[in-house]
Amino acid sequence: MESAEELEILGKAPEVVLHRPYAMAYFFTDTKICYLHWKKLTSFEEYKEVFNTILEWHAKTPADYFLSDIRNQGTSSVEKKDWFKDYAIKKAVDGGLKKGAVIMDRNPFKQFYINLILKTTNTMQLPFKAFSDMPSAVAWLFET
């Protein structure tokens, strides 16, 4: 779990949206950002559970921004990638999401995954960008 100091850059008083051994998700009311921290590789069912939980929260308490740290996520399957780009992104955008970012290490498998996501977000006119660290991602999300 991230320390309070590490999460402070995202806002004040985070609400825990999801707490699992493989992922943590927080919502910051003051900044309207949802932050997802992947801890390890998941099954397809666990992956869907994470995003469905976040999307249910988003339907009740819309986030303007979404930030996902995938450095510990492992390599995603084609099945996960397709579900995310065909279902989760559309549902988030329909729910009012304005901008998304990812924190990642630059390996070829993750870059391929992010390129697929970028194609989808571009067609939906959702600004989306990849970063190697949280401060850069947060600065970009919050710039107007």
N, C-alpha and C. Protein backbone atom coordinates (compact mmCIF):
# COMPACT_ATOMS: atom_id res chain seq x y z
N MET A 1 0.84 -1.18 0.00
CA MET A 1 0.00 0.00 0.00
C MET A 1 0.89 1.24 0.00
N GLU A 2 0.46 2.26 -0.72
CA GLU A 2 1.21 3.49 -0.80
C GLU A 2 1.10 4.23 0.53
N SER A 3 2.13 4.99 0.85
CA SER A 3 2.09 5.79 2.07
C SER A 3 1.25 7.04 1.82
N ALA A 4 0.84 7.67 2.90
CA ALA A 4 0.05 8.91 2.80
C ALA A 4 0.85 9.98 2.05
N GLU A 5 2.17 10.00 2.28
CA GLU A 5 3.02 10.99 1.61
C GLU A 5 3.04 10.76 0.09
N GLU A 6 3.08 9.50 -0.31
CA GLU A 6 3.10 9.18 -1.74
C GLU A 6 1.78 9.56 -2.42
N LEU A 7 0.69 9.40 -1.71
CA LEU A 7 -0.63 9.71 -2.28
C LEU A 7 -0.97 11.19 -2.21
N GLU A 8 -0.26 11.93 -1.36
CA GLU A 8 -0.55 13.35 -1.15
C GLU A 8 -0.52 14.17 -2.43
N ILE A 9 0.32 13.79 -3.38
CA ILE A 9 0.44 14.50 -4.65
C ILE A 9 -0.89 14.47 -5.43
N LEU A 10 -1.73 13.46 -5.14
CA LEU A 10 -2.99 13.29 -5.86
C LEU A 10 -4.16 14.07 -5.25
N GLY A 11 -4.05 14.43 -3.99
CA GLY A 11 -5.13 15.15 -3.33
C GLY A 11 -5.18 14.81 -1.86
N LYS A 12 -6.26 15.26 -1.22
CA LYS A 12 -6.42 15.05 0.22
C LYS A 12 -7.48 13.99 0.50
N ALA A 13 -7.32 13.31 1.61
CA ALA A 13 -8.30 12.35 2.13
C ALA A 13 -8.82 11.37 1.08
N PRO A 14 -7.96 10.47 0.62
CA PRO A 14 -8.42 9.51 -0.40
C PRO A 14 -9.44 8.53 0.17
N GLU A 15 -10.42 8.22 -0.64
CA GLU A 15 -11.40 7.18 -0.30
C GLU A 15 -10.93 5.90 -1.00
N VAL A 16 -10.96 4.80 -0.28
CA VAL A 16 -10.56 3.53 -0.87
C VAL A 16 -11.73 2.98 -1.68
N VAL A 17 -11.51 2.80 -2.96
CA VAL A 17 -12.51 2.26 -3.87
C VAL A 17 -12.40 0.74 -3.94
N LEU A 18 -11.15 0.25 -3.90
CA LEU A 18 -10.90 -1.18 -4.03
C LEU A 18 -9.62 -1.53 -3.26
N HIS A 19 -9.68 -2.63 -2.51
CA HIS A 19 -8.50 -3.11 -1.78
C HIS A 19 -8.41 -4.61 -1.98
N ARG A 20 -7.48 -5.02 -2.82
CA ARG A 20 -7.27 -6.44 -3.11
C ARG A 20 -5.77 -6.72 -3.03
N PRO A 21 -5.38 -7.98 -2.90
CA PRO A 21 -3.95 -8.30 -2.88
C PRO A 21 -3.23 -7.92 -4.18
N TYR A 22 -3.96 -7.77 -5.25
CA TYR A 22 -3.37 -7.50 -6.56
C TYR A 22 -3.56 -6.06 -7.05
N ALA A 23 -4.40 -5.27 -6.38
CA ALA A 23 -4.63 -3.88 -6.82
C ALA A 23 -5.28 -3.06 -5.72
N MET A 24 -4.97 -1.76 -5.73
CA MET A 24 -5.60 -0.79 -4.84
C MET A 24 -6.11 0.36 -5.71
N ALA A 25 -7.31 0.84 -5.40
CA ALA A 25 -7.84 2.00 -6.11
C ALA A 25 -8.36 3.01 -5.10
N TYR A 26 -8.08 4.27 -5.38
CA TYR A 26 -8.47 5.37 -4.51
C TYR A 26 -9.19 6.43 -5.32
N PHE A 27 -10.08 7.15 -4.65
CA PHE A 27 -10.72 8.32 -5.27
C PHE A 27 -10.46 9.52 -4.38
N PHE A 28 -10.03 10.60 -5.01
CA PHE A 28 -9.75 11.85 -4.30
C PHE A 28 -10.83 12.85 -4.67
N THR A 29 -11.72 13.13 -3.73
CA THR A 29 -12.86 14.02 -3.98
C THR A 29 -12.42 15.42 -4.35
N ASP A 30 -11.39 15.94 -3.68
CA ASP A 30 -10.97 17.32 -3.92
C ASP A 30 -10.40 17.55 -5.31
N THR A 31 -9.76 16.54 -5.88
CA THR A 31 -9.16 16.70 -7.21
C THR A 31 -9.89 15.91 -8.30
N LYS A 32 -10.87 15.09 -7.89
CA LYS A 32 -11.67 14.28 -8.82
C LYS A 32 -10.80 13.34 -9.65
N ILE A 33 -9.82 12.72 -8.97
CA ILE A 33 -8.95 11.77 -9.64
C ILE A 33 -9.13 10.38 -9.03
N CYS A 34 -9.17 9.39 -9.90
CA CYS A 34 -9.18 8.00 -9.47
C CYS A 34 -7.79 7.45 -9.77
N TYR A 35 -7.17 6.86 -8.75
CA TYR A 35 -5.82 6.31 -8.90
C TYR A 35 -5.86 4.80 -8.67
N LEU A 36 -5.35 4.06 -9.62
CA LEU A 36 -5.28 2.60 -9.54
C LEU A 36 -3.83 2.17 -9.51
N HIS A 37 -3.48 1.41 -8.47
CA HIS A 37 -2.12 0.89 -8.33
C HIS A 37 -2.17 -0.63 -8.43
N TRP A 38 -1.59 -1.15 -9.50
CA TRP A 38 -1.51 -2.61 -9.68
C TRP A 38 -0.34 -3.14 -8.89
N LYS A 39 -0.57 -4.25 -8.16
CA LYS A 39 0.48 -4.86 -7.34
C LYS A 39 1.09 -6.09 -7.99
N LYS A 40 0.32 -6.77 -8.83
CA LYS A 40 0.83 -7.97 -9.49
C LYS A 40 -0.10 -8.37 -10.63
N LEU A 41 0.32 -9.38 -11.37
CA LEU A 41 -0.46 -9.92 -12.48
C LEU A 41 -1.76 -10.51 -11.95
N THR A 42 -2.82 -10.36 -12.72
CA THR A 42 -4.14 -10.86 -12.32
C THR A 42 -4.71 -11.80 -13.37
N SER A 43 -5.70 -12.57 -12.95
CA SER A 43 -6.48 -13.35 -13.90
C SER A 43 -7.40 -12.39 -14.64
N PHE A 44 -8.02 -12.85 -15.69
CA PHE A 44 -8.96 -12.02 -16.44
C PHE A 44 -10.15 -11.62 -15.54
N GLU A 45 -10.64 -12.55 -14.74
CA GLU A 45 -11.77 -12.24 -13.85
C GLU A 45 -11.39 -11.19 -12.81
N GLU A 46 -10.19 -11.29 -12.25
CA GLU A 46 -9.73 -10.28 -11.28
C GLU A 46 -9.57 -8.93 -11.96
N TYR A 47 -9.02 -8.93 -13.15
CA TYR A 47 -8.84 -7.71 -13.92
C TYR A 47 -10.18 -7.01 -14.15
N LYS A 48 -11.17 -7.77 -14.60
CA LYS A 48 -12.51 -7.20 -14.83
C LYS A 48 -13.11 -6.70 -13.52
N GLU A 49 -12.92 -7.45 -12.44
CA GLU A 49 -13.46 -7.04 -11.14
C GLU A 49 -12.91 -5.67 -10.74
N VAL A 50 -11.62 -5.47 -10.94
CA VAL A 50 -11.00 -4.18 -10.60
C VAL A 50 -11.69 -3.05 -11.36
N PHE A 51 -11.76 -3.18 -12.66
CA PHE A 51 -12.35 -2.10 -13.46
C PHE A 51 -13.86 -1.97 -13.27
N ASN A 52 -14.56 -3.07 -13.11
CA ASN A 52 -16.01 -2.96 -12.86
C ASN A 52 -16.30 -2.27 -11.54
N THR A 53 -15.48 -2.53 -10.52
CA THR A 53 -15.65 -1.85 -9.23
C THR A 53 -15.41 -0.35 -9.39
N ILE A 54 -14.35 0.00 -10.10
CA ILE A 54 -14.05 1.42 -10.34
C ILE A 54 -15.16 2.07 -11.17
N LEU A 55 -15.64 1.38 -12.19
CA LEU A 55 -16.70 1.94 -13.03
C LEU A 55 -18.01 2.12 -12.27
N GLU A 56 -18.31 1.21 -11.35
CA GLU A 56 -19.51 1.37 -10.51
C GLU A 56 -19.36 2.60 -9.62
N TRP A 57 -18.18 2.79 -9.06
CA TRP A 57 -17.89 3.97 -8.24
C TRP A 57 -18.02 5.23 -9.10
N HIS A 58 -17.43 5.18 -10.28
CA HIS A 58 -17.43 6.31 -11.22
C HIS A 58 -18.86 6.71 -11.61
N ALA A 59 -19.76 5.76 -11.70
CA ALA A 59 -21.15 6.06 -12.06
C ALA A 59 -21.83 6.87 -10.95
N LYS A 60 -21.42 6.65 -9.71
CA LYS A 60 -22.03 7.36 -8.57
C LYS A 60 -21.27 8.63 -8.22
N THR A 61 -19.95 8.59 -8.37
CA THR A 61 -19.07 9.70 -8.02
C THR A 61 -18.07 9.89 -9.16
N PRO A 62 -18.47 10.61 -10.20
CA PRO A 62 -17.63 10.71 -11.39
C PRO A 62 -16.24 11.30 -11.13
N ALA A 63 -15.25 10.68 -11.73
CA ALA A 63 -13.88 11.18 -11.71
C ALA A 63 -13.62 11.92 -13.01
N ASP A 64 -12.92 13.03 -12.92
CA ASP A 64 -12.51 13.74 -14.13
C ASP A 64 -11.24 13.11 -14.71
N TYR A 65 -10.41 12.56 -13.81
CA TYR A 65 -9.11 12.05 -14.21
C TYR A 65 -8.92 10.61 -13.72
N PHE A 66 -8.17 9.84 -14.50
CA PHE A 66 -7.84 8.47 -14.12
C PHE A 66 -6.35 8.26 -14.31
N LEU A 67 -5.70 7.72 -13.27
CA LEU A 67 -4.28 7.44 -13.31
C LEU A 67 -4.05 6.00 -12.87
N SER A 68 -3.36 5.24 -13.68
CA SER A 68 -3.08 3.84 -13.36
C SER A 68 -1.57 3.60 -13.38
N ASP A 69 -1.07 3.02 -12.29
CA ASP A 69 0.34 2.65 -12.20
C ASP A 69 0.43 1.16 -12.53
N ILE A 70 0.96 0.85 -13.71
CA ILE A 70 1.00 -0.55 -14.18
C ILE A 70 2.39 -1.16 -14.10
N ARG A 71 3.31 -0.53 -13.38
CA ARG A 71 4.68 -1.04 -13.33
C ARG A 71 4.78 -2.44 -12.73
N ASN A 72 3.87 -2.80 -11.84
CA ASN A 72 3.89 -4.14 -11.23
C ASN A 72 2.80 -5.05 -11.78
N GLN A 73 2.11 -4.62 -12.81
CA GLN A 73 0.96 -5.37 -13.33
C GLN A 73 1.35 -6.63 -14.09
N GLY A 74 2.52 -6.67 -14.64
CA GLY A 74 2.89 -7.79 -15.50
C GLY A 74 2.35 -7.55 -16.90
N THR A 75 2.52 -8.53 -17.76
CA THR A 75 2.08 -8.42 -19.15
C THR A 75 0.61 -8.83 -19.25
N SER A 76 -0.20 -7.97 -19.86
CA SER A 76 -1.63 -8.25 -19.99
C SER A 76 -1.91 -9.12 -21.21
N SER A 77 -2.89 -9.98 -21.06
CA SER A 77 -3.30 -10.86 -22.16
C SER A 77 -4.09 -10.08 -23.21
N VAL A 78 -4.21 -10.64 -24.37
CA VAL A 78 -5.01 -10.05 -25.44
C VAL A 78 -6.45 -9.90 -24.96
N GLU A 79 -6.94 -10.90 -24.26
CA GLU A 79 -8.31 -10.87 -23.74
C GLU A 79 -8.54 -9.65 -22.84
N LYS A 80 -7.59 -9.36 -21.95
CA LYS A 80 -7.70 -8.19 -21.07
C LYS A 80 -7.65 -6.90 -21.87
N LYS A 81 -6.71 -6.83 -22.81
CA LYS A 81 -6.56 -5.63 -23.63
C LYS A 81 -7.84 -5.33 -24.40
N ASP A 82 -8.39 -6.36 -25.03
CA ASP A 82 -9.60 -6.17 -25.83
C ASP A 82 -10.78 -5.73 -24.96
N TRP A 83 -10.94 -6.35 -23.81
CA TRP A 83 -12.04 -6.00 -22.92
C TRP A 83 -11.89 -4.55 -22.45
N PHE A 84 -10.66 -4.18 -22.08
CA PHE A 84 -10.43 -2.83 -21.59
C PHE A 84 -10.72 -1.78 -22.66
N LYS A 85 -10.20 -2.00 -23.87
CA LYS A 85 -10.40 -0.98 -24.91
C LYS A 85 -11.81 -0.98 -25.47
N ASP A 86 -12.47 -2.14 -25.50
CA ASP A 86 -13.82 -2.21 -26.08
C ASP A 86 -14.93 -1.91 -25.07
N TYR A 87 -14.65 -2.08 -23.78
CA TYR A 87 -15.71 -1.90 -22.78
C TYR A 87 -15.38 -0.81 -21.75
N ALA A 88 -14.30 -0.98 -21.03
CA ALA A 88 -14.02 -0.11 -19.88
C ALA A 88 -13.79 1.34 -20.28
N ILE A 89 -13.01 1.57 -21.33
CA ILE A 89 -12.74 2.96 -21.73
C ILE A 89 -14.02 3.65 -22.16
N LYS A 90 -14.82 2.99 -22.97
CA LYS A 90 -16.08 3.59 -23.43
C LYS A 90 -16.99 3.94 -22.26
N LYS A 91 -17.11 3.02 -21.32
CA LYS A 91 -17.98 3.26 -20.15
C LYS A 91 -17.46 4.43 -19.31
N ALA A 92 -16.15 4.53 -19.14
CA ALA A 92 -15.57 5.63 -18.37
C ALA A 92 -15.81 6.98 -19.07
N VAL A 93 -15.60 7.01 -20.38
CA VAL A 93 -15.81 8.25 -21.14
C VAL A 93 -17.28 8.63 -21.11
N ASP A 94 -18.16 7.67 -21.31
CA ASP A 94 -19.60 7.94 -21.25
C ASP A 94 -20.00 8.47 -19.87
N GLY A 95 -19.25 8.08 -18.84
CA GLY A 95 -19.53 8.53 -17.48
C GLY A 95 -18.90 9.87 -17.13
N GLY A 96 -18.16 10.48 -18.08
CA GLY A 96 -17.63 11.82 -17.86
C GLY A 96 -16.13 11.93 -17.66
N LEU A 97 -15.39 10.85 -17.82
CA LEU A 97 -13.94 10.93 -17.67
C LEU A 97 -13.37 11.90 -18.70
N LYS A 98 -12.47 12.79 -18.25
CA LYS A 98 -11.93 13.83 -19.13
C LYS A 98 -10.50 13.59 -19.59
N LYS A 99 -9.72 12.83 -18.79
CA LYS A 99 -8.30 12.64 -19.10
C LYS A 99 -7.81 11.38 -18.40
N GLY A 100 -6.90 10.66 -19.04
CA GLY A 100 -6.33 9.47 -18.44
C GLY A 100 -4.83 9.42 -18.63
N ALA A 101 -4.15 8.79 -17.67
CA ALA A 101 -2.70 8.63 -17.77
C ALA A 101 -2.29 7.31 -17.15
N VAL A 102 -1.12 6.85 -17.55
CA VAL A 102 -0.57 5.61 -17.03
C VAL A 102 0.88 5.83 -16.64
N ILE A 103 1.30 5.19 -15.55
CA ILE A 103 2.70 5.19 -15.14
C ILE A 103 3.21 3.80 -15.45
N MET A 104 4.29 3.73 -16.22
CA MET A 104 4.77 2.43 -16.68
C MET A 104 6.27 2.42 -16.87
N ASP A 105 6.82 1.22 -16.86
CA ASP A 105 8.20 1.06 -17.30
C ASP A 105 8.13 0.83 -18.80
N ARG A 106 9.16 1.14 -19.48
CA ARG A 106 9.14 1.11 -20.95
C ARG A 106 9.62 -0.23 -21.51
N ASN A 107 8.80 -1.26 -21.35
CA ASN A 107 9.17 -2.51 -22.01
C ASN A 107 8.29 -2.68 -23.25
N PRO A 108 8.73 -3.45 -24.23
CA PRO A 108 8.01 -3.54 -25.50
C PRO A 108 6.59 -4.08 -25.38
N PHE A 109 6.34 -4.99 -24.44
CA PHE A 109 5.00 -5.55 -24.29
C PHE A 109 4.02 -4.52 -23.75
N LYS A 110 4.47 -3.77 -22.75
CA LYS A 110 3.60 -2.72 -22.20
C LYS A 110 3.42 -1.59 -23.21
N GLN A 111 4.45 -1.29 -23.97
CA GLN A 111 4.34 -0.23 -24.97
C GLN A 111 3.32 -0.62 -26.04
N PHE A 112 3.31 -1.87 -26.44
CA PHE A 112 2.33 -2.37 -27.40
C PHE A 112 0.91 -2.20 -26.84
N TYR A 113 0.73 -2.57 -25.57
CA TYR A 113 -0.56 -2.44 -24.88
C TYR A 113 -1.00 -0.97 -24.85
N ILE A 114 -0.09 -0.10 -24.50
CA ILE A 114 -0.42 1.33 -24.41
C ILE A 114 -0.74 1.90 -25.78
N ASN A 115 -0.05 1.46 -26.81
CA ASN A 115 -0.35 1.93 -28.17
C ASN A 115 -1.77 1.55 -28.59
N LEU A 116 -2.22 0.36 -28.21
CA LEU A 116 -3.61 -0.04 -28.49
C LEU A 116 -4.60 0.86 -27.74
N ILE A 117 -4.28 1.15 -26.49
CA ILE A 117 -5.14 2.02 -25.69
C ILE A 117 -5.18 3.42 -26.30
N LEU A 118 -4.03 3.91 -26.73
CA LEU A 118 -3.97 5.24 -27.35
C LEU A 118 -4.85 5.35 -28.59
N LYS A 119 -4.85 4.31 -29.41
CA LYS A 119 -5.72 4.32 -30.60
C LYS A 119 -7.18 4.46 -30.19
N THR A 120 -7.57 3.74 -29.16
CA THR A 120 -8.96 3.79 -28.69
C THR A 120 -9.28 5.15 -28.09
N THR A 121 -8.40 5.66 -27.21
CA THR A 121 -8.68 6.95 -26.58
C THR A 121 -8.69 8.08 -27.60
N ASN A 122 -7.85 7.98 -28.62
CA ASN A 122 -7.84 9.02 -29.67
C ASN A 122 -9.16 9.05 -30.43
N THR A 123 -9.72 7.89 -30.75
CA THR A 123 -11.00 7.88 -31.46
C THR A 123 -12.13 8.40 -30.58
N MET A 124 -11.99 8.29 -29.26
CA MET A 124 -13.01 8.79 -28.33
C MET A 124 -12.72 10.21 -27.87
N GLN A 125 -11.65 10.79 -28.38
CA GLN A 125 -11.21 12.14 -28.02
C GLN A 125 -10.97 12.29 -26.53
N LEU A 126 -10.38 11.24 -25.94
CA LEU A 126 -9.99 11.26 -24.53
C LEU A 126 -8.48 11.45 -24.47
N PRO A 127 -8.02 12.60 -23.96
CA PRO A 127 -6.57 12.77 -23.82
C PRO A 127 -6.00 11.68 -22.91
N PHE A 128 -4.94 11.03 -23.38
CA PHE A 128 -4.32 9.92 -22.65
C PHE A 128 -2.83 9.93 -22.95
N LYS A 129 -2.02 9.70 -21.90
CA LYS A 129 -0.58 9.76 -22.09
C LYS A 129 0.11 8.83 -21.09
N ALA A 130 1.27 8.32 -21.47
CA ALA A 130 2.07 7.44 -20.61
C ALA A 130 3.26 8.20 -20.03
N PHE A 131 3.59 7.86 -18.78
CA PHE A 131 4.70 8.50 -18.05
C PHE A 131 5.50 7.44 -17.31
N SER A 132 6.70 7.82 -16.90
CA SER A 132 7.53 6.89 -16.14
C SER A 132 7.50 7.20 -14.64
N ASP A 133 6.87 8.31 -14.24
CA ASP A 133 6.80 8.66 -12.83
C ASP A 133 5.49 9.39 -12.51
N MET A 134 5.11 9.32 -11.24
CA MET A 134 3.85 9.93 -10.82
C MET A 134 3.83 11.46 -10.91
N PRO A 135 4.86 12.18 -10.46
CA PRO A 135 4.79 13.65 -10.55
C PRO A 135 4.53 14.17 -11.96
N SER A 136 5.18 13.58 -12.95
CA SER A 136 4.98 14.02 -14.34
C SER A 136 3.55 13.72 -14.80
N ALA A 137 3.05 12.55 -14.46
CA ALA A 137 1.68 12.18 -14.84
C ALA A 137 0.66 13.10 -14.20
N VAL A 138 0.82 13.37 -12.93
CA VAL A 138 -0.13 14.23 -12.21
C VAL A 138 -0.08 15.65 -12.75
N ALA A 139 1.11 16.17 -13.02
CA ALA A 139 1.24 17.53 -13.58
C ALA A 139 0.50 17.62 -14.91
N TRP A 140 0.65 16.62 -15.76
CA TRP A 140 -0.04 16.61 -17.06
C TRP A 140 -1.56 16.51 -16.89
N LEU A 141 -2.01 15.64 -15.99
CA LEU A 141 -3.46 15.48 -15.79
C LEU A 141 -4.10 16.78 -15.35
N PHE A 142 -3.43 17.51 -14.46
CA PHE A 142 -4.03 18.71 -13.89
C PHE A 142 -3.81 19.98 -14.71
N GLU A 143 -3.00 19.91 -15.76
CA GLU A 143 -2.84 21.11 -16.59
C GLU A 143 -4.09 21.28 -17.44
N THR A 144 -4.43 22.54 -17.68
CA THR A 144 -5.68 22.83 -18.41
C THR A 144 -5.47 22.86 -19.90
